[in-house]
Amino acid sequence: MSEVSPVHREMIVKKSVSEVTAIIISRLQLLKGNIVRSDGTIIECDLGSLVKSRLLGEFFVSKSTLPKKAMISFKDAEGGDTQVTLDVRDAHKYGVKWGYVKKYEKALEGVADSILAPIE
């Protein structure tokens, strides 16, 4: 198996969309993420380093260095709450990942936990 399974999470937060968006953006900056797109309903962010992973090899770099892409969407829910949907996936599209799939999957789980921690 050389396919890395993406992480998908959904949750309802008892805050407004603007409050949740501001919290998530500050969290992504703390995680040293590169925010590629941010509008009122969607945030796309690149995390890790594709260059470092290719130069050193993904087997030798830390979990935090592995290239990842996070997409977070926000939707108004009933009662002023916000529905948050998070998808984190592997951003390294080429090459065989045999041998470090579990490392990548643990890294994706860790990033998802870190992003959602301040709003849980």
C-alpha atoms as a PDB file:
ATOM      1  CA  MET A   1       0.000   0.000   0.000  1.00  0.00           C
ATOM      2  CA  SER A   2       1.540   3.291  -1.044  1.00  0.00           C
ATOM      3  CA  GLU A   3      -1.497   5.543  -0.790  1.00  0.00           C
ATOM      4  CA  VAL A   4      -1.745   7.980   2.118  1.00  0.00           C
ATOM      5  CA  SER A   5      -5.280   8.251   3.516  1.00  0.00           C
ATOM      6  CA  PRO A   6      -6.452  11.856   3.943  1.00  0.00           C
ATOM      7  CA  VAL A   7      -7.989  13.023   7.235  1.00  0.00           C
ATOM      8  CA  HIS A   8     -11.556  14.338   7.226  1.00  0.00           C
ATOM      9  CA  ARG A   9     -13.192  15.886  10.298  1.00  0.00           C
ATOM     10  CA  GLU A  10     -16.446  17.753  10.855  1.00  0.00           C
ATOM     11  CA  MET A  11     -17.654  19.494  13.986  1.00  0.00           C
ATOM     12  CA  ILE A  12     -20.149  22.071  15.208  1.00  0.00           C
ATOM     13  CA  VAL A  13     -18.716  24.975  17.222  1.00  0.00           C
ATOM     14  CA  LYS A  14     -20.761  27.316  19.418  1.00  0.00           C
ATOM     15  CA  LYS A  15     -19.192  30.455  17.932  1.00  0.00           C
ATOM     16  CA  SER A  16     -19.837  32.612  14.884  1.00  0.00           C
ATOM     17  CA  VAL A  17     -18.133  31.982  11.549  1.00  0.00           C
ATOM     18  CA  SER A  18     -15.985  35.118  11.903  1.00  0.00           C
ATOM     19  CA  GLU A  19     -14.788  34.104  15.392  1.00  0.00           C
ATOM     20  CA  VAL A  20     -13.915  30.568  14.294  1.00  0.00           C
ATOM     21  CA  THR A  21     -12.166  31.842  11.152  1.00  0.00           C
ATOM     22  CA  ALA A  22     -10.009  34.232  13.184  1.00  0.00           C
ATOM     23  CA  ILE A  23      -9.064  31.461  15.651  1.00  0.00           C
ATOM     24  CA  ILE A  24      -8.159  29.026  12.859  1.00  0.00           C
ATOM     25  CA  ILE A  25      -6.091  31.622  10.962  1.00  0.00           C
ATOM     26  CA  SER A  26      -4.077  32.461  14.072  1.00  0.00           C
ATOM     27  CA  ARG A  27      -3.581  28.736  14.736  1.00  0.00           C
ATOM     28  CA  LEU A  28      -2.337  28.120  11.182  1.00  0.00           C
ATOM     29  CA  GLN A  29       0.129  31.001  11.529  1.00  0.00           C
ATOM     30  CA  LEU A  30       1.351  29.495  14.800  1.00  0.00           C
ATOM     31  CA  LEU A  31       1.881  26.180  12.967  1.00  0.00           C
ATOM     32  CA  LYS A  32       3.940  28.087  10.351  1.00  0.00           C
ATOM     33  CA  GLY A  33       1.414  27.409   7.627  1.00  0.00           C
ATOM     34  CA  ASN A  34       1.367  29.262   4.328  1.00  0.00           C
ATOM     35  CA  ILE A  35      -2.225  30.439   3.822  1.00  0.00           C
ATOM     36  CA  VAL A  36      -2.874  30.149   0.091  1.00  0.00           C
ATOM     37  CA  ARG A  37      -6.529  31.191   0.096  1.00  0.00           C
ATOM     38  CA  SER A  38      -8.756  32.742   2.712  1.00  0.00           C
ATOM     39  CA  ASP A  39     -12.224  34.086   2.115  1.00  0.00           C
ATOM     40  CA  GLY A  40     -15.272  34.099   4.362  1.00  0.00           C
ATOM     41  CA  THR A  41     -16.023  30.394   4.013  1.00  0.00           C
ATOM     42  CA  ILE A  42     -12.822  28.555   3.018  1.00  0.00           C
ATOM     43  CA  ILE A  43      -9.189  28.547   4.117  1.00  0.00           C
ATOM     44  CA  GLU A  44      -6.517  26.629   2.198  1.00  0.00           C
ATOM     45  CA  CYS A  45      -3.101  26.280   3.797  1.00  0.00           C
ATOM     46  CA  ASP A  46       0.168  24.542   2.913  1.00  0.00           C
ATOM     47  CA  LEU A  47       2.173  23.086   5.795  1.00  0.00           C
ATOM     48  CA  GLY A  48       5.611  21.482   5.861  1.00  0.00           C
ATOM     49  CA  SER A  49       8.282  21.741   3.207  1.00  0.00           C
ATOM     50  CA  LEU A  50       8.163  19.999  -0.156  1.00  0.00           C
ATOM     51  CA  VAL A  51      11.690  21.203  -1.003  1.00  0.00           C
ATOM     52  CA  LYS A  52      13.227  19.887   2.220  1.00  0.00           C
ATOM     53  CA  SER A  53      11.362  16.595   1.840  1.00  0.00           C
ATOM     54  CA  ARG A  54      12.652  16.120  -1.689  1.00  0.00           C
ATOM     55  CA  LEU A  55      16.228  17.127  -0.868  1.00  0.00           C
ATOM     56  CA  LEU A  56      16.595  15.025   2.271  1.00  0.00           C
ATOM     57  CA  GLY A  57      14.048  12.363   1.458  1.00  0.00           C
ATOM     58  CA  GLU A  58      10.696  11.950   3.168  1.00  0.00           C
ATOM     59  CA  PHE A  59      11.957   8.981   5.139  1.00  0.00           C
ATOM     60  CA  PHE A  60      14.564  11.170   6.889  1.00  0.00           C
ATOM     61  CA  VAL A  61      12.597  14.355   7.668  1.00  0.00           C
ATOM     62  CA  SER A  62      10.393  14.936  10.727  1.00  0.00           C
ATOM     63  CA  LYS A  63       6.606  14.576  10.615  1.00  0.00           C
ATOM     64  CA  SER A  64       6.210  18.347  10.785  1.00  0.00           C
ATOM     65  CA  THR A  65       8.369  18.800   7.668  1.00  0.00           C
ATOM     66  CA  LEU A  66       6.330  16.443   5.472  1.00  0.00           C
ATOM     67  CA  PRO A  67       4.364  18.519   2.920  1.00  0.00           C
ATOM     68  CA  LYS A  68       0.657  18.715   3.752  1.00  0.00           C
ATOM     69  CA  LYS A  69      -2.354  20.686   2.539  1.00  0.00           C
ATOM     70  CA  ALA A  70      -5.217  21.666   4.842  1.00  0.00           C
ATOM     71  CA  MET A  71      -8.613  22.847   3.597  1.00  0.00           C
ATOM     72  CA  ILE A  72     -11.043  24.202   6.162  1.00  0.00           C
ATOM     73  CA  SER A  73     -14.580  25.282   5.321  1.00  0.00           C
ATOM     74  CA  PHE A  74     -17.068  27.109   7.512  1.00  0.00           C
ATOM     75  CA  LYS A  75     -20.842  27.102   7.277  1.00  0.00           C
ATOM     76  CA  ASP A  76     -23.506  28.741   9.447  1.00  0.00           C
ATOM     77  CA  ALA A  77     -25.419  26.182  11.498  1.00  0.00           C
ATOM     78  CA  GLU A  78     -28.583  26.539  13.570  1.00  0.00           C
ATOM     79  CA  GLY A  79     -28.591  28.837  16.569  1.00  0.00           C
ATOM     80  CA  GLY A  80     -25.586  30.943  15.527  1.00  0.00           C
ATOM     81  CA  ASP A  81     -23.227  27.950  15.610  1.00  0.00           C
ATOM     82  CA  THR A  82     -20.658  27.152  12.929  1.00  0.00           C
ATOM     83  CA  GLN A  83     -20.099  23.879  11.116  1.00  0.00           C
ATOM     84  CA  VAL A  84     -16.378  23.349  10.520  1.00  0.00           C
ATOM     85  CA  THR A  85     -15.134  20.839   7.942  1.00  0.00           C
ATOM     86  CA  LEU A  86     -11.409  20.026   7.837  1.00  0.00           C
ATOM     87  CA  ASP A  87      -9.587  17.993   5.206  1.00  0.00           C
ATOM     88  CA  VAL A  88      -5.846  17.385   5.530  1.00  0.00           C
ATOM     89  CA  ARG A  89      -4.000  15.512   2.806  1.00  0.00           C
ATOM     90  CA  ASP A  90      -0.568  14.656   1.537  1.00  0.00           C
ATOM     91  CA  ALA A  91       0.813  17.424  -0.709  1.00  0.00           C
ATOM     92  CA  HIS A  92       3.581  15.311  -2.268  1.00  0.00           C
ATOM     93  CA  LYS A  93       1.874  13.873  -5.326  1.00  0.00           C
ATOM     94  CA  TYR A  94       4.722  12.051  -7.051  1.00  0.00           C
ATOM     95  CA  GLY A  95       6.851   9.113  -6.076  1.00  0.00           C
ATOM     96  CA  VAL A  96       6.311   5.882  -4.258  1.00  0.00           C
ATOM     97  CA  LYS A  97       5.394   6.301  -0.611  1.00  0.00           C
ATOM     98  CA  TRP A  98       6.000   2.694   0.293  1.00  0.00           C
ATOM     99  CA  GLY A  99       7.696   2.474   3.665  1.00  0.00           C
ATOM    100  CA  TYR A 100       6.485   5.700   5.227  1.00  0.00           C
ATOM    101  CA  VAL A 101       2.708   5.700   4.722  1.00  0.00           C
ATOM    102  CA  LYS A 102       2.066   5.304   8.477  1.00  0.00           C
ATOM    103  CA  LYS A 103       4.455   8.178   9.252  1.00  0.00           C
ATOM    104  CA  TYR A 104       2.535  10.397   6.827  1.00  0.00           C
ATOM    105  CA  GLU A 105      -0.851   9.342   8.208  1.00  0.00           C
ATOM    106  CA  LYS A 106       0.274  10.074  11.782  1.00  0.00           C
ATOM    107  CA  ALA A 107       1.523  13.485  10.633  1.00  0.00           C
ATOM    108  CA  LEU A 108      -1.847  14.253   9.009  1.00  0.00           C
ATOM    109  CA  GLU A 109      -3.714  13.206  12.181  1.00  0.00           C
ATOM    110  CA  GLY A 110      -1.396  15.400  14.275  1.00  0.00           C
ATOM    111  CA  VAL A 111      -1.972  18.439  12.073  1.00  0.00           C
ATOM    112  CA  ALA A 112      -5.752  17.931  12.163  1.00  0.00           C
ATOM    113  CA  ASP A 113      -5.648  17.701  15.980  1.00  0.00           C
ATOM    114  CA  SER A 114      -3.477  20.821  16.209  1.00  0.00           C
ATOM    115  CA  ILE A 115      -5.693  22.894  13.923  1.00  0.00           C
ATOM    116  CA  LEU A 116      -8.948  21.980  15.689  1.00  0.00           C
ATOM    117  CA  ALA A 117      -7.641  22.051  19.278  1.00  0.00           C
ATOM    118  CA  PRO A 118      -8.415  25.741  20.016  1.00  0.00           C
ATOM    119  CA  ILE A 119     -12.061  25.475  18.932  1.00  0.00           C
ATOM    120  CA  GLU A 120     -13.015  22.182  20.563  1.00  0.00           C
END
